[in-house]
Amino acid sequence: METVNKKSDFLHLGNILLKWYSENSRDLPFRQTKDPYKIWICEIVFQQTRINQGLNHYNNFIKRFPDVKTLADATEDEVLLYWKGLGYYSRAINIHKAARQIMNDYGGIFPSEYDEILKLKGVGKYTAAAVVSICFNGKIPAVDGNFYRVLSRVFADDFDISNSRAFTYFSELAQLVLPDNVGDFNQAMMDLGSEICKPKKPLCEECPFNEYCLAFSLNRITEFPVKTKKIKTEDLHLTYYFVHHNNQFLIQQRKDDFIWKKLFEFPASIPEALEEFNKGEKTVHHKLTHKNLTISISDIEIDSPEIWENFQKQEGYLVTDFKKSQEKSFPKPLENYIQNTLND
């Protein structure tokens, strides 16, 4: 049952949030600019990354790629390198493609209209709304998980956020509280959701909405938001071979049709003849969104220069060493393996 009285006037809530934001907003580098390029990059960086974890990555990325042209002119491998440590590497691939879109389709000028921003590779409704509201005074709420959580609690609204209509529903709900300054409102909602109205152990006593929050007054905070559909976690097993000779090892670049798109990896198979060089196997476990990975890595130390060269050339693997490997992006488990091998 939807519990909101849609005819009520809730605009004062938006103004209350803006007042709270003016006194409590976090001092972040991207809050000091209206440059749509930098706002776009920050929104993509922090989609799957906490502010405190991703801030240095954001600063380093902007320092190396300060504008659209610099990003568009870079190679994909360099963009991936500067994304290293953030994970979800498809985001980096998409922003690189989008930068080239902006150069080719918009003359290097970041588009200012919501529908045009949505056309950029990898940009969804939330990011487009954030950019257009912050940089171009667009009147569109940037609805994400923070909006779902805050609004469902304030209104004690049991609309299922796993429903396919959730984005539209909560976008309409947000319109009830939307003030004139939508850019600051969207950023305020992000701060409120991440710092106060947390998924677990929310700081209700510090919340500017606690006087008006139905879930709080009913002592039902933990019941919202409602989410009934759970995405099944998939178990995957991957096998790699760390094939090395005289401080060099073999790698290849992944394709873009599965996890870890365009990252570098070890060979996934070897001929039976190389099994005699197997010095042992290590198993590591790694979690991705909705995937549990079990990764087996065999240590293949080849002592014959001829066998090493023949295998490398026949299979077309790249040859690298520990120092040069730092200039490439590997999945975290493989990067850790390289570092541990280096330290052994």
C-alpha atoms as a PDB file:
ATOM      1  CA  MET A   1       0.000   0.000   0.000  1.00  0.00           C
ATOM      2  CA  GLU A   2       1.321   3.444  -0.931  1.00  0.00           C
ATOM      3  CA  THR A   3       0.974   5.703   2.088  1.00  0.00           C
ATOM      4  CA  VAL A   4       1.699   9.143   0.644  1.00  0.00           C
ATOM      5  CA  ASN A   5      -0.980  11.820   0.366  1.00  0.00           C
ATOM      6  CA  LYS A   6       0.013  13.171  -3.028  1.00  0.00           C
ATOM      7  CA  LYS A   7      -2.081  16.359  -2.608  1.00  0.00           C
ATOM      8  CA  SER A   8      -0.232  17.548   0.492  1.00  0.00           C
ATOM      9  CA  ASP A   9       2.308  20.346   0.323  1.00  0.00           C
ATOM     10  CA  PHE A  10       5.735  19.002   1.216  1.00  0.00           C
ATOM     11  CA  LEU A  11       7.855  21.721  -0.393  1.00  0.00           C
ATOM     12  CA  HIS A  12       9.030  22.897   3.029  1.00  0.00           C
ATOM     13  CA  LEU A  13      10.987  19.657   3.352  1.00  0.00           C
ATOM     14  CA  GLY A  14      13.173  20.598   0.392  1.00  0.00           C
ATOM     15  CA  ASN A  15      13.927  23.974   1.925  1.00  0.00           C
ATOM     16  CA  ILE A  16      14.715  22.367   5.286  1.00  0.00           C
ATOM     17  CA  LEU A  17      17.197  20.087   3.527  1.00  0.00           C
ATOM     18  CA  LEU A  18      18.844  23.023   1.750  1.00  0.00           C
ATOM     19  CA  LYS A  19      19.283  24.845   5.060  1.00  0.00           C
ATOM     20  CA  TRP A  20      20.840  21.740   6.598  1.00  0.00           C
ATOM     21  CA  TYR A  21      23.124  21.393   3.561  1.00  0.00           C
ATOM     22  CA  SER A  22      24.293  24.999   3.775  1.00  0.00           C
ATOM     23  CA  GLU A  23      25.489  24.298   7.318  1.00  0.00           C
ATOM     24  CA  ASN A  24      26.705  20.711   6.941  1.00  0.00           C
ATOM     25  CA  SER A  25      27.835  20.131   3.359  1.00  0.00           C
ATOM     26  CA  ARG A  26      31.106  18.280   2.941  1.00  0.00           C
ATOM     27  CA  ASP A  27      34.073  20.251   1.618  1.00  0.00           C
ATOM     28  CA  LEU A  28      34.824  18.294  -1.544  1.00  0.00           C
ATOM     29  CA  PRO A  29      36.872  19.454  -4.570  1.00  0.00           C
ATOM     30  CA  PHE A  30      34.065  18.881  -7.063  1.00  0.00           C
ATOM     31  CA  ARG A  31      31.765  21.070  -4.961  1.00  0.00           C
ATOM     32  CA  GLN A  32      33.913  24.059  -5.948  1.00  0.00           C
ATOM     33  CA  THR A  33      33.099  23.869  -9.653  1.00  0.00           C
ATOM     34  CA  LYS A  34      30.216  23.978 -12.112  1.00  0.00           C
ATOM     35  CA  ASP A  35      32.333  22.457 -14.869  1.00  0.00           C
ATOM     36  CA  PRO A  36      30.088  19.721 -16.322  1.00  0.00           C
ATOM     37  CA  TYR A  37      33.107  17.613 -17.305  1.00  0.00           C
ATOM     38  CA  LYS A  38      34.370  17.445 -13.721  1.00  0.00           C
ATOM     39  CA  ILE A  39      30.895  16.882 -12.289  1.00  0.00           C
ATOM     40  CA  TRP A  40      30.360  14.069 -14.797  1.00  0.00           C
ATOM     41  CA  ILE A  41      33.660  12.418 -13.881  1.00  0.00           C
ATOM     42  CA  CYS A  42      32.945  12.681 -10.153  1.00  0.00           C
ATOM     43  CA  GLU A  43      29.486  11.150 -10.577  1.00  0.00           C
ATOM     44  CA  ILE A  44      30.926   8.190 -12.489  1.00  0.00           C
ATOM     45  CA  VAL A  45      33.821   7.707 -10.048  1.00  0.00           C
ATOM     46  CA  PHE A  46      31.559   7.674  -7.016  1.00  0.00           C
ATOM     47  CA  GLN A  47      28.807   5.488  -8.485  1.00  0.00           C
ATOM     48  CA  GLN A  48      30.285   2.369  -6.915  1.00  0.00           C
ATOM     49  CA  THR A  49      32.901   3.941  -4.654  1.00  0.00           C
ATOM     50  CA  ARG A  50      32.678   5.698  -1.296  1.00  0.00           C
ATOM     51  CA  ILE A  51      33.865   9.321  -1.197  1.00  0.00           C
ATOM     52  CA  ASN A  52      36.731   8.645   1.214  1.00  0.00           C
ATOM     53  CA  GLN A  53      37.933   5.698  -0.891  1.00  0.00           C
ATOM     54  CA  GLY A  54      37.716   7.376  -4.267  1.00  0.00           C
ATOM     55  CA  LEU A  55      38.745  10.975  -3.627  1.00  0.00           C
ATOM     56  CA  ASN A  56      42.444  10.513  -4.396  1.00  0.00           C
ATOM     57  CA  HIS A  57      41.551   8.554  -7.523  1.00  0.00           C
ATOM     58  CA  TYR A  58      39.259  11.393  -8.646  1.00  0.00           C
ATOM     59  CA  ASN A  59      41.944  14.033  -8.020  1.00  0.00           C
ATOM     60  CA  ASN A  60      44.606  12.040  -9.874  1.00  0.00           C
ATOM     61  CA  PHE A  61      42.273  11.355 -12.798  1.00  0.00           C
ATOM     62  CA  ILE A  62      41.327  15.028 -13.170  1.00  0.00           C
ATOM     63  CA  LYS A  63      44.956  16.080 -12.873  1.00  0.00           C
ATOM     64  CA  ARG A  64      45.935  13.789 -15.749  1.00  0.00           C
ATOM     65  CA  PHE A  65      42.764  14.381 -17.807  1.00  0.00           C
ATOM     66  CA  PRO A  66      41.660  17.947 -16.932  1.00  0.00           C
ATOM     67  CA  ASP A  67      39.220  18.313 -19.828  1.00  0.00           C
ATOM     68  CA  VAL A  68      37.269  16.391 -22.432  1.00  0.00           C
ATOM     69  CA  LYS A  69      39.888  16.753 -25.171  1.00  0.00           C
ATOM     70  CA  THR A  70      42.718  15.414 -23.007  1.00  0.00           C
ATOM     71  CA  LEU A  71      40.611  12.392 -22.090  1.00  0.00           C
ATOM     72  CA  ALA A  72      39.475  11.786 -25.663  1.00  0.00           C
ATOM     73  CA  ASP A  73      43.046  11.984 -26.992  1.00  0.00           C
ATOM     74  CA  ALA A  74      44.373   9.447 -24.463  1.00  0.00           C
ATOM     75  CA  THR A  75      44.677   5.737 -25.199  1.00  0.00           C
ATOM     76  CA  GLU A  76      42.233   3.342 -23.618  1.00  0.00           C
ATOM     77  CA  ASP A  77      45.046   1.585 -21.759  1.00  0.00           C
ATOM     78  CA  GLU A  78      46.146   4.832 -20.126  1.00  0.00           C
ATOM     79  CA  VAL A  79      42.595   5.659 -19.056  1.00  0.00           C
ATOM     80  CA  LEU A  80      42.314   2.193 -17.515  1.00  0.00           C
ATOM     81  CA  LEU A  81      45.635   2.705 -15.763  1.00  0.00           C
ATOM     82  CA  TYR A  82      44.413   5.909 -14.107  1.00  0.00           C
ATOM     83  CA  TRP A  83      41.217   4.089 -13.122  1.00  0.00           C
ATOM     84  CA  LYS A  84      43.302   1.425 -11.404  1.00  0.00           C
ATOM     85  CA  GLY A  85      42.018   0.619  -7.933  1.00  0.00           C
ATOM     86  CA  LEU A  86      38.467   1.850  -8.505  1.00  0.00           C
ATOM     87  CA  GLY A  87      37.133  -1.389  -9.974  1.00  0.00           C
ATOM     88  CA  TYR A  88      34.144  -1.659 -12.330  1.00  0.00           C
ATOM     89  CA  TYR A  89      36.487  -0.871 -15.215  1.00  0.00           C
ATOM     90  CA  SER A  90      33.662  -0.694 -17.747  1.00  0.00           C
ATOM     91  CA  ARG A  91      33.028   2.776 -16.284  1.00  0.00           C
ATOM     92  CA  ALA A  92      36.453   3.925 -17.466  1.00  0.00           C
ATOM     93  CA  ILE A  93      35.945   2.416 -20.909  1.00  0.00           C
ATOM     94  CA  ASN A  94      32.590   4.181 -21.213  1.00  0.00           C
ATOM     95  CA  ILE A  95      33.815   7.627 -20.160  1.00  0.00           C
ATOM     96  CA  HIS A  96      36.640   7.347 -22.666  1.00  0.00           C
ATOM     97  CA  LYS A  97      34.127   6.556 -25.425  1.00  0.00           C
ATOM     98  CA  ALA A  98      31.825   9.326 -24.194  1.00  0.00           C
ATOM     99  CA  ALA A  99      34.678  11.865 -24.288  1.00  0.00           C
ATOM    100  CA  ARG A 100      35.222  10.998 -27.938  1.00  0.00           C
ATOM    101  CA  GLN A 101      31.476  11.328 -28.514  1.00  0.00           C
ATOM    102  CA  ILE A 102      31.574  14.836 -27.086  1.00  0.00           C
ATOM    103  CA  MET A 103      34.497  15.761 -29.328  1.00  0.00           C
ATOM    104  CA  ASN A 104      32.895  14.265 -32.450  1.00  0.00           C
ATOM    105  CA  ASP A 105      29.204  15.055 -31.942  1.00  0.00           C
ATOM    106  CA  TYR A 106      29.262  18.230 -29.833  1.00  0.00           C
ATOM    107  CA  GLY A 107      32.432  19.958 -31.007  1.00  0.00           C
ATOM    108  CA  GLY A 108      34.147  19.344 -27.693  1.00  0.00           C
ATOM    109  CA  ILE A 109      31.448  21.214 -25.752  1.00  0.00           C
ATOM    110  CA  PHE A 110      29.745  19.239 -22.999  1.00  0.00           C
ATOM    111  CA  PRO A 111      26.002  19.087 -23.829  1.00  0.00           C
ATOM    112  CA  SER A 112      23.728  21.091 -21.538  1.00  0.00           C
ATOM    113  CA  GLU A 113      20.405  19.345 -22.156  1.00  0.00           C
ATOM    114  CA  TYR A 114      19.282  16.309 -20.151  1.00  0.00           C
ATOM    115  CA  ASP A 115      18.296  14.254 -23.212  1.00  0.00           C
ATOM    116  CA  GLU A 116      21.604  14.986 -24.929  1.00  0.00           C
ATOM    117  CA  ILE A 117      23.652  14.061 -21.853  1.00  0.00           C
ATOM    118  CA  LEU A 118      21.726  10.782 -21.711  1.00  0.00           C
ATOM    119  CA  LYS A 119      23.049   9.924 -25.171  1.00  0.00           C
ATOM    120  CA  LEU A 120      26.617   9.756 -23.859  1.00  0.00           C
ATOM    121  CA  LYS A 121      28.053   6.279 -23.459  1.00  0.00           C
ATOM    122  CA  GLY A 122      27.565   4.932 -19.946  1.00  0.00           C
ATOM    123  CA  VAL A 123      25.453   7.854 -18.720  1.00  0.00           C
ATOM    124  CA  GLY A 124      22.192   6.944 -17.014  1.00  0.00           C
ATOM    125  CA  LYS A 125      19.274   8.995 -15.759  1.00  0.00           C
ATOM    126  CA  TYR A 126      20.835   9.687 -12.357  1.00  0.00           C
ATOM    127  CA  THR A 127      24.128  11.001 -13.764  1.00  0.00           C
ATOM    128  CA  ALA A 128      22.387  13.076 -16.442  1.00  0.00           C
ATOM    129  CA  ALA A 129      20.106  14.630 -13.804  1.00  0.00           C
ATOM    130  CA  ALA A 130      23.043  15.372 -11.506  1.00  0.00           C
ATOM    131  CA  VAL A 131      25.044  17.119 -14.240  1.00  0.00           C
ATOM    132  CA  VAL A 132      22.143  19.126 -15.664  1.00  0.00           C
ATOM    133  CA  SER A 133      20.911  20.231 -12.218  1.00  0.00           C
ATOM    134  CA  ILE A 134      24.313  21.161 -10.780  1.00  0.00           C
ATOM    135  CA  CYS A 135      25.804  22.767 -13.893  1.00  0.00           C
ATOM    136  CA  PHE A 136      22.847  24.035 -15.919  1.00  0.00           C
ATOM    137  CA  ASN A 137      20.107  24.693 -13.318  1.00  0.00           C
ATOM    138  CA  GLY A 138      17.986  21.808 -14.587  1.00  0.00           C
ATOM    139  CA  LYS A 139      14.932  20.981 -12.463  1.00  0.00           C
ATOM    140  CA  ILE A 140      15.385  17.216 -12.379  1.00  0.00           C
ATOM    141  CA  PRO A 141      15.924  15.158  -9.201  1.00  0.00           C
ATOM    142  CA  ALA A 142      18.957  12.854  -9.372  1.00  0.00           C
ATOM    143  CA  VAL A 143      17.149   9.817  -8.038  1.00  0.00           C
ATOM    144  CA  ASP A 144      19.343   7.021  -6.710  1.00  0.00           C
ATOM    145  CA  GLY A 145      19.506   4.755  -3.678  1.00  0.00           C
ATOM    146  CA  ASN A 146      19.756   7.748  -1.364  1.00  0.00           C
ATOM    147  CA  PHE A 147      16.468   9.131  -2.685  1.00  0.00           C
ATOM    148  CA  TYR A 148      14.788   5.751  -2.348  1.00  0.00           C
ATOM    149  CA  ARG A 149      15.912   5.369   1.245  1.00  0.00           C
ATOM    150  CA  VAL A 150      15.257   8.916   2.478  1.00  0.00           C
ATOM    151  CA  LEU A 151      11.892   9.401   0.783  1.00  0.00           C
ATOM    152  CA  SER A 152      10.550   5.965   1.659  1.00  0.00           C
ATOM    153  CA  ARG A 153      11.387   6.621   5.323  1.00  0.00           C
ATOM    154  CA  VAL A 154      10.112  10.199   5.439  1.00  0.00           C
ATOM    155  CA  PHE A 155       6.773   9.162   3.963  1.00  0.00           C
ATOM    156  CA  ALA A 156       6.768   5.609   5.396  1.00  0.00           C
ATOM    157  CA  ASP A 157       6.168   4.605   1.789  1.00  0.00           C
ATOM    158  CA  ASP A 158       6.236   0.876   1.122  1.00  0.00           C
ATOM    159  CA  PHE A 159       6.607   1.043  -2.648  1.00  0.00           C
ATOM    160  CA  ASP A 160       8.985  -1.789  -3.549  1.00  0.00           C
ATOM    161  CA  ILE A 161      12.282  -0.315  -4.779  1.00  0.00           C
ATOM    162  CA  SER A 162      12.993  -3.520  -6.728  1.00  0.00           C
ATOM    163  CA  ASN A 163       9.903  -2.806  -8.819  1.00  0.00           C
ATOM    164  CA  SER A 164      10.677  -1.777 -12.391  1.00  0.00           C
ATOM    165  CA  ARG A 165       8.644   1.401 -11.838  1.00  0.00           C
ATOM    166  CA  ALA A 166      10.630   2.458  -8.756  1.00  0.00           C
ATOM    167  CA  PHE A 167      12.693   5.113 -10.527  1.00  0.00           C
ATOM    168  CA  THR A 168       9.617   6.778 -12.016  1.00  0.00           C
ATOM    169  CA  TYR A 169       7.659   6.486  -8.778  1.00  0.00           C
ATOM    170  CA  PHE A 170      10.344   8.054  -6.589  1.00  0.00           C
ATOM    171  CA  SER A 171      11.097  10.708  -9.211  1.00  0.00           C
ATOM    172  CA  GLU A 172       7.460  11.800  -8.917  1.00  0.00           C
ATOM    173  CA  LEU A 173       7.664  11.617  -5.132  1.00  0.00           C
ATOM    174  CA  ALA A 174      10.777  13.795  -5.163  1.00  0.00           C
ATOM    175  CA  GLN A 175       8.869  16.469  -7.087  1.00  0.00           C
ATOM    176  CA  LEU A 176       6.759  17.024  -3.951  1.00  0.00           C
ATOM    177  CA  VAL A 177       9.766  18.300  -2.010  1.00  0.00           C
ATOM    178  CA  LEU A 178      11.828  19.803  -4.837  1.00  0.00           C
ATOM    179  CA  PRO A 179      12.956  23.403  -4.136  1.00  0.00           C
ATOM    180  CA  ASP A 180      14.158  25.898  -6.754  1.00  0.00           C
ATOM    181  CA  ASN A 181      17.841  25.096  -6.222  1.00  0.00           C
ATOM    182  CA  VAL A 182      17.725  21.519  -7.472  1.00  0.00           C
ATOM    183  CA  GLY A 183      21.495  21.203  -7.903  1.00  0.00           C
ATOM    184  CA  ASP A 184      22.180  21.786  -4.203  1.00  0.00           C
ATOM    185  CA  PHE A 185      19.132  19.706  -3.292  1.00  0.00           C
ATOM    186  CA  ASN A 186      20.509  16.704  -5.197  1.00  0.00           C
ATOM    187  CA  GLN A 187      23.900  17.047  -3.528  1.00  0.00           C
ATOM    188  CA  ALA A 188      22.231  17.517  -0.142  1.00  0.00           C
ATOM    189  CA  MET A 189      20.282  14.304  -0.618  1.00  0.00           C
ATOM    190  CA  MET A 190      23.529  12.490  -1.384  1.00  0.00           C
ATOM    191  CA  ASP A 191      25.121  13.808   1.823  1.00  0.00           C
ATOM    192  CA  LEU A 192      22.041  13.065   3.909  1.00  0.00           C
ATOM    193  CA  GLY A 193      21.776   9.509   2.586  1.00  0.00           C
ATOM    194  CA  SER A 194      25.458   8.686   3.016  1.00  0.00           C
ATOM    195  CA  GLU A 195      26.145  10.476   6.311  1.00  0.00           C
ATOM    196  CA  ILE A 196      22.847  10.478   8.244  1.00  0.00           C
ATOM    197  CA  CYS A 197      20.060   8.359   6.743  1.00  0.00           C
ATOM    198  CA  LYS A 198      22.320   5.340   6.329  1.00  0.00           C
ATOM    199  CA  PRO A 199      21.086   1.901   5.279  1.00  0.00           C
ATOM    200  CA  LYS A 200      22.051   0.558   8.702  1.00  0.00           C
ATOM    201  CA  LYS A 201      22.209   2.414  12.001  1.00  0.00           C
ATOM    202  CA  PRO A 202      20.912   5.762  10.679  1.00  0.00           C
ATOM    203  CA  LEU A 203      21.624   8.815  12.828  1.00  0.00           C
ATOM    204  CA  CYS A 204      17.988   9.800  13.181  1.00  0.00           C
ATOM    205  CA  GLU A 205      18.567  12.211  16.054  1.00  0.00           C
ATOM    206  CA  GLU A 206      20.844  14.282  13.800  1.00  0.00           C
ATOM    207  CA  CYS A 207      18.544  14.205  10.774  1.00  0.00           C
ATOM    208  CA  PRO A 208      16.915  17.484   9.675  1.00  0.00           C
ATOM    209  CA  PHE A 209      13.800  15.481   8.762  1.00  0.00           C
ATOM    210  CA  ASN A 210      13.323  13.654  12.070  1.00  0.00           C
ATOM    211  CA  GLU A 211      10.443  15.936  13.094  1.00  0.00           C
ATOM    212  CA  TYR A 212       8.602  15.096   9.864  1.00  0.00           C
ATOM    213  CA  CYS A 213       9.722  11.511   9.225  1.00  0.00           C
ATOM    214  CA  LEU A 214       6.810   9.079   9.503  1.00  0.00           C
ATOM    215  CA  ALA A 215       9.018   5.991   9.771  1.00  0.00           C
ATOM    216  CA  PHE A 216      10.930   7.605  12.639  1.00  0.00           C
ATOM    217  CA  SER A 217       7.786   8.673  14.484  1.00  0.00           C
ATOM    218  CA  LEU A 218       6.342   5.166  14.059  1.00  0.00           C
ATOM    219  CA  ASN A 219       9.629   3.539  15.123  1.00  0.00           C
ATOM    220  CA  ARG A 220       9.703   1.648  11.799  1.00  0.00           C
ATOM    221  CA  ILE A 221      12.944   2.977  10.263  1.00  0.00           C
ATOM    222  CA  THR A 222      14.369  -0.508   9.672  1.00  0.00           C
ATOM    223  CA  GLU A 223      11.331  -1.471   7.570  1.00  0.00           C
ATOM    224  CA  PHE A 224      12.153   1.031   4.826  1.00  0.00           C
ATOM    225  CA  PRO A 225      12.919   1.006   2.008  1.00  0.00           C
ATOM    226  CA  VAL A 226      11.016  -2.118   0.989  1.00  0.00           C
ATOM    227  CA  LYS A 227      12.884  -4.436  -1.357  1.00  0.00           C
ATOM    228  CA  THR A 228      11.517  -7.893  -2.095  1.00  0.00           C
ATOM    229  CA  LYS A 229      13.410  -8.994  -5.190  1.00  0.00           C
ATOM    230  CA  LYS A 230      16.970 -10.156  -4.592  1.00  0.00           C
ATOM    231  CA  ILE A 231      19.467 -10.733  -7.371  1.00  0.00           C
ATOM    232  CA  LYS A 232      20.886 -14.231  -7.255  1.00  0.00           C
ATOM    233  CA  THR A 233      24.629 -14.459  -6.687  1.00  0.00           C
ATOM    234  CA  GLU A 234      26.546 -16.510  -9.258  1.00  0.00           C
ATOM    235  CA  ASP A 235      29.528 -18.711  -8.360  1.00  0.00           C
ATOM    236  CA  LEU A 236      32.333 -18.705 -10.937  1.00  0.00           C
ATOM    237  CA  HIS A 237      35.602 -20.601 -11.104  1.00  0.00           C
ATOM    238  CA  LEU A 238      38.512 -19.156 -13.079  1.00  0.00           C
ATOM    239  CA  THR A 239      41.840 -20.805 -13.866  1.00  0.00           C
ATOM    240  CA  TYR A 240      45.083 -18.940 -14.601  1.00  0.00           C
ATOM    241  CA  TYR A 241      48.704 -19.870 -15.221  1.00  0.00           C
ATOM    242  CA  PHE A 242      51.465 -17.540 -14.105  1.00  0.00           C
ATOM    243  CA  VAL A 243      53.984 -18.472 -16.800  1.00  0.00           C
ATOM    244  CA  HIS A 244      57.386 -16.911 -16.109  1.00  0.00           C
ATOM    245  CA  HIS A 245      61.035 -17.114 -17.122  1.00  0.00           C
ATOM    246  CA  ASN A 246      64.005 -15.007 -15.972  1.00  0.00           C
ATOM    247  CA  ASN A 247      61.855 -12.406 -14.164  1.00  0.00           C
ATOM    248  CA  GLN A 248      59.507 -12.040 -17.117  1.00  0.00           C
ATOM    249  CA  PHE A 249      55.943 -13.354 -17.359  1.00  0.00           C
ATOM    250  CA  LEU A 250      53.210 -13.681 -19.958  1.00  0.00           C
ATOM    251  CA  ILE A 251      49.971 -11.711 -20.122  1.00  0.00           C
ATOM    252  CA  GLN A 252      47.093 -11.022 -22.482  1.00  0.00           C
ATOM    253  CA  GLN A 253      44.335  -8.417 -22.622  1.00  0.00           C
ATOM    254  CA  ARG A 254      40.785  -9.468 -21.892  1.00  0.00           C
ATOM    255  CA  LYS A 255      38.001  -8.767 -24.345  1.00  0.00           C
ATOM    256  CA  ASP A 256      35.052  -6.533 -23.477  1.00  0.00           C
ATOM    257  CA  ASP A 257      32.306  -9.162 -23.352  1.00  0.00           C
ATOM    258  CA  PHE A 258      32.540 -10.273 -19.714  1.00  0.00           C
ATOM    259  CA  ILE A 259      33.902  -9.237 -16.324  1.00  0.00           C
ATOM    260  CA  TRP A 260      37.138  -7.223 -16.094  1.00  0.00           C
ATOM    261  CA  LYS A 261      36.707  -5.762 -19.562  1.00  0.00           C
ATOM    262  CA  LYS A 262      39.966  -4.819 -21.304  1.00  0.00           C
ATOM    263  CA  LEU A 263      42.103  -5.556 -18.232  1.00  0.00           C
ATOM    264  CA  PHE A 264      45.233  -7.679 -18.482  1.00  0.00           C
ATOM    265  CA  GLU A 265      45.404 -11.242 -17.214  1.00  0.00           C
ATOM    266  CA  PHE A 266      47.599 -14.354 -17.169  1.00  0.00           C
ATOM    267  CA  PRO A 267      47.123 -17.194 -19.674  1.00  0.00           C
ATOM    268  CA  ALA A 268      43.965 -19.169 -18.971  1.00  0.00           C
ATOM    269  CA  SER A 269      45.368 -22.436 -20.338  1.00  0.00           C
ATOM    270  CA  ILE A 270      48.642 -24.140 -21.173  1.00  0.00           C
ATOM    271  CA  PRO A 271      49.509 -27.242 -23.231  1.00  0.00           C
ATOM    272  CA  GLU A 272      49.979 -30.471 -21.326  1.00  0.00           C
ATOM    273  CA  ALA A 273      53.710 -30.403 -22.086  1.00  0.00           C
ATOM    274  CA  LEU A 274      54.154 -27.380 -19.809  1.00  0.00           C
ATOM    275  CA  GLU A 275      52.614 -29.101 -16.804  1.00  0.00           C
ATOM    276  CA  GLU A 276      56.057 -30.452 -15.856  1.00  0.00           C
ATOM    277  CA  PHE A 277      57.064 -26.877 -14.984  1.00  0.00           C
ATOM    278  CA  ASN A 278      54.197 -26.458 -12.512  1.00  0.00           C
ATOM    279  CA  LYS A 279      55.610 -25.413  -9.129  1.00  0.00           C
ATOM    280  CA  GLY A 280      52.269 -25.402  -7.349  1.00  0.00           C
ATOM    281  CA  GLU A 281      48.807 -23.913  -7.312  1.00  0.00           C
ATOM    282  CA  LYS A 282      47.220 -21.152  -5.226  1.00  0.00           C
ATOM    283  CA  THR A 283      43.496 -20.586  -4.796  1.00  0.00           C
ATOM    284  CA  VAL A 284      42.081 -17.164  -3.986  1.00  0.00           C
ATOM    285  CA  HIS A 285      38.525 -15.976  -3.471  1.00  0.00           C
ATOM    286  CA  HIS A 286      37.165 -12.660  -4.674  1.00  0.00           C
ATOM    287  CA  LYS A 287      33.726 -11.046  -4.638  1.00  0.00           C
ATOM    288  CA  LEU A 288      32.217  -8.948  -7.389  1.00  0.00           C
ATOM    289  CA  THR A 289      28.708  -7.561  -7.511  1.00  0.00           C
ATOM    290  CA  HIS A 290      26.483 -10.636  -7.686  1.00  0.00           C
ATOM    291  CA  LYS A 291      29.461 -12.926  -8.362  1.00  0.00           C
ATOM    292  CA  ASN A 292      31.607 -15.064  -6.067  1.00  0.00           C
ATOM    293  CA  LEU A 293      34.882 -15.950  -7.767  1.00  0.00           C
ATOM    294  CA  THR A 294      37.151 -18.872  -6.973  1.00  0.00           C
ATOM    295  CA  ILE A 295      40.433 -18.325  -8.799  1.00  0.00           C
ATOM    296  CA  SER A 296      43.104 -20.991  -9.228  1.00  0.00           C
ATOM    297  CA  ILE A 297      46.559 -19.711 -10.205  1.00  0.00           C
ATOM    298  CA  SER A 298      49.316 -22.168 -11.111  1.00  0.00           C
ATOM    299  CA  ASP A 299      52.973 -21.153 -10.926  1.00  0.00           C
ATOM    300  CA  ILE A 300      54.623 -22.221 -14.204  1.00  0.00           C
ATOM    301  CA  GLU A 301      58.364 -21.565 -14.051  1.00  0.00           C
ATOM    302  CA  ILE A 302      59.946 -22.362 -17.434  1.00  0.00           C
ATOM    303  CA  ASP A 303      63.707 -22.875 -17.333  1.00  0.00           C
ATOM    304  CA  SER A 304      64.185 -23.453 -21.060  1.00  0.00           C
ATOM    305  CA  PRO A 305      64.561 -20.289 -23.189  1.00  0.00           C
ATOM    306  CA  GLU A 306      63.510 -22.217 -26.265  1.00  0.00           C
ATOM    307  CA  ILE A 307      60.306 -23.595 -24.743  1.00  0.00           C
ATOM    308  CA  TRP A 308      59.508 -20.153 -23.295  1.00  0.00           C
ATOM    309  CA  GLU A 309      59.965 -18.398 -26.649  1.00  0.00           C
ATOM    310  CA  ASN A 310      58.027 -20.985 -28.620  1.00  0.00           C
ATOM    311  CA  PHE A 311      55.043 -20.894 -26.268  1.00  0.00           C
ATOM    312  CA  GLN A 312      54.971 -17.103 -26.169  1.00  0.00           C
ATOM    313  CA  LYS A 313      55.121 -16.726 -29.950  1.00  0.00           C
ATOM    314  CA  GLN A 314      52.708 -19.541 -30.774  1.00  0.00           C
ATOM    315  CA  GLU A 315      50.024 -18.189 -28.462  1.00  0.00           C
ATOM    316  CA  GLY A 316      50.727 -14.486 -29.086  1.00  0.00           C
ATOM    317  CA  TYR A 317      51.088 -13.557 -25.416  1.00  0.00           C
ATOM    318  CA  LEU A 318      52.686 -10.276 -24.347  1.00  0.00           C
ATOM    319  CA  VAL A 319      55.909 -10.402 -22.341  1.00  0.00           C
ATOM    320  CA  THR A 320      56.263  -8.134 -19.343  1.00  0.00           C
ATOM    321  CA  ASP A 321      58.175  -7.889 -16.081  1.00  0.00           C
ATOM    322  CA  PHE A 322      57.259  -6.716 -12.600  1.00  0.00           C
ATOM    323  CA  LYS A 323      58.204  -3.074 -13.230  1.00  0.00           C
ATOM    324  CA  LYS A 324      56.425  -2.769 -16.575  1.00  0.00           C
ATOM    325  CA  SER A 325      53.357  -4.560 -15.219  1.00  0.00           C
ATOM    326  CA  GLN A 326      52.750  -1.576 -12.943  1.00  0.00           C
ATOM    327  CA  GLU A 327      51.889   0.414 -16.068  1.00  0.00           C
ATOM    328  CA  LYS A 328      48.993  -1.916 -16.892  1.00  0.00           C
ATOM    329  CA  SER A 329      45.672  -2.603 -15.208  1.00  0.00           C
ATOM    330  CA  PHE A 330      45.028  -6.084 -13.842  1.00  0.00           C
ATOM    331  CA  PRO A 331      42.042  -7.463 -11.932  1.00  0.00           C
ATOM    332  CA  LYS A 332      42.673  -7.006  -8.219  1.00  0.00           C
ATOM    333  CA  PRO A 333      43.301 -10.703  -7.439  1.00  0.00           C
ATOM    334  CA  LEU A 334      45.932 -10.930 -10.190  1.00  0.00           C
ATOM    335  CA  GLU A 335      47.509  -7.637  -9.181  1.00  0.00           C
ATOM    336  CA  ASN A 336      47.780  -8.947  -5.631  1.00  0.00           C
ATOM    337  CA  TYR A 337      49.358 -12.161  -6.917  1.00  0.00           C
ATOM    338  CA  ILE A 338      51.990 -10.173  -8.825  1.00  0.00           C
ATOM    339  CA  GLN A 339      52.783  -8.072  -5.760  1.00  0.00           C
ATOM    340  CA  ASN A 340      53.013 -11.105  -3.497  1.00  0.00           C
ATOM    341  CA  THR A 341      55.303 -12.857  -5.991  1.00  0.00           C
ATOM    342  CA  LEU A 342      57.495  -9.773  -6.159  1.00  0.00           C
ATOM    343  CA  ASN A 343      57.763  -9.702  -2.360  1.00  0.00           C
ATOM    344  CA  ASP A 344      58.539 -13.403  -1.994  1.00  0.00           C
END
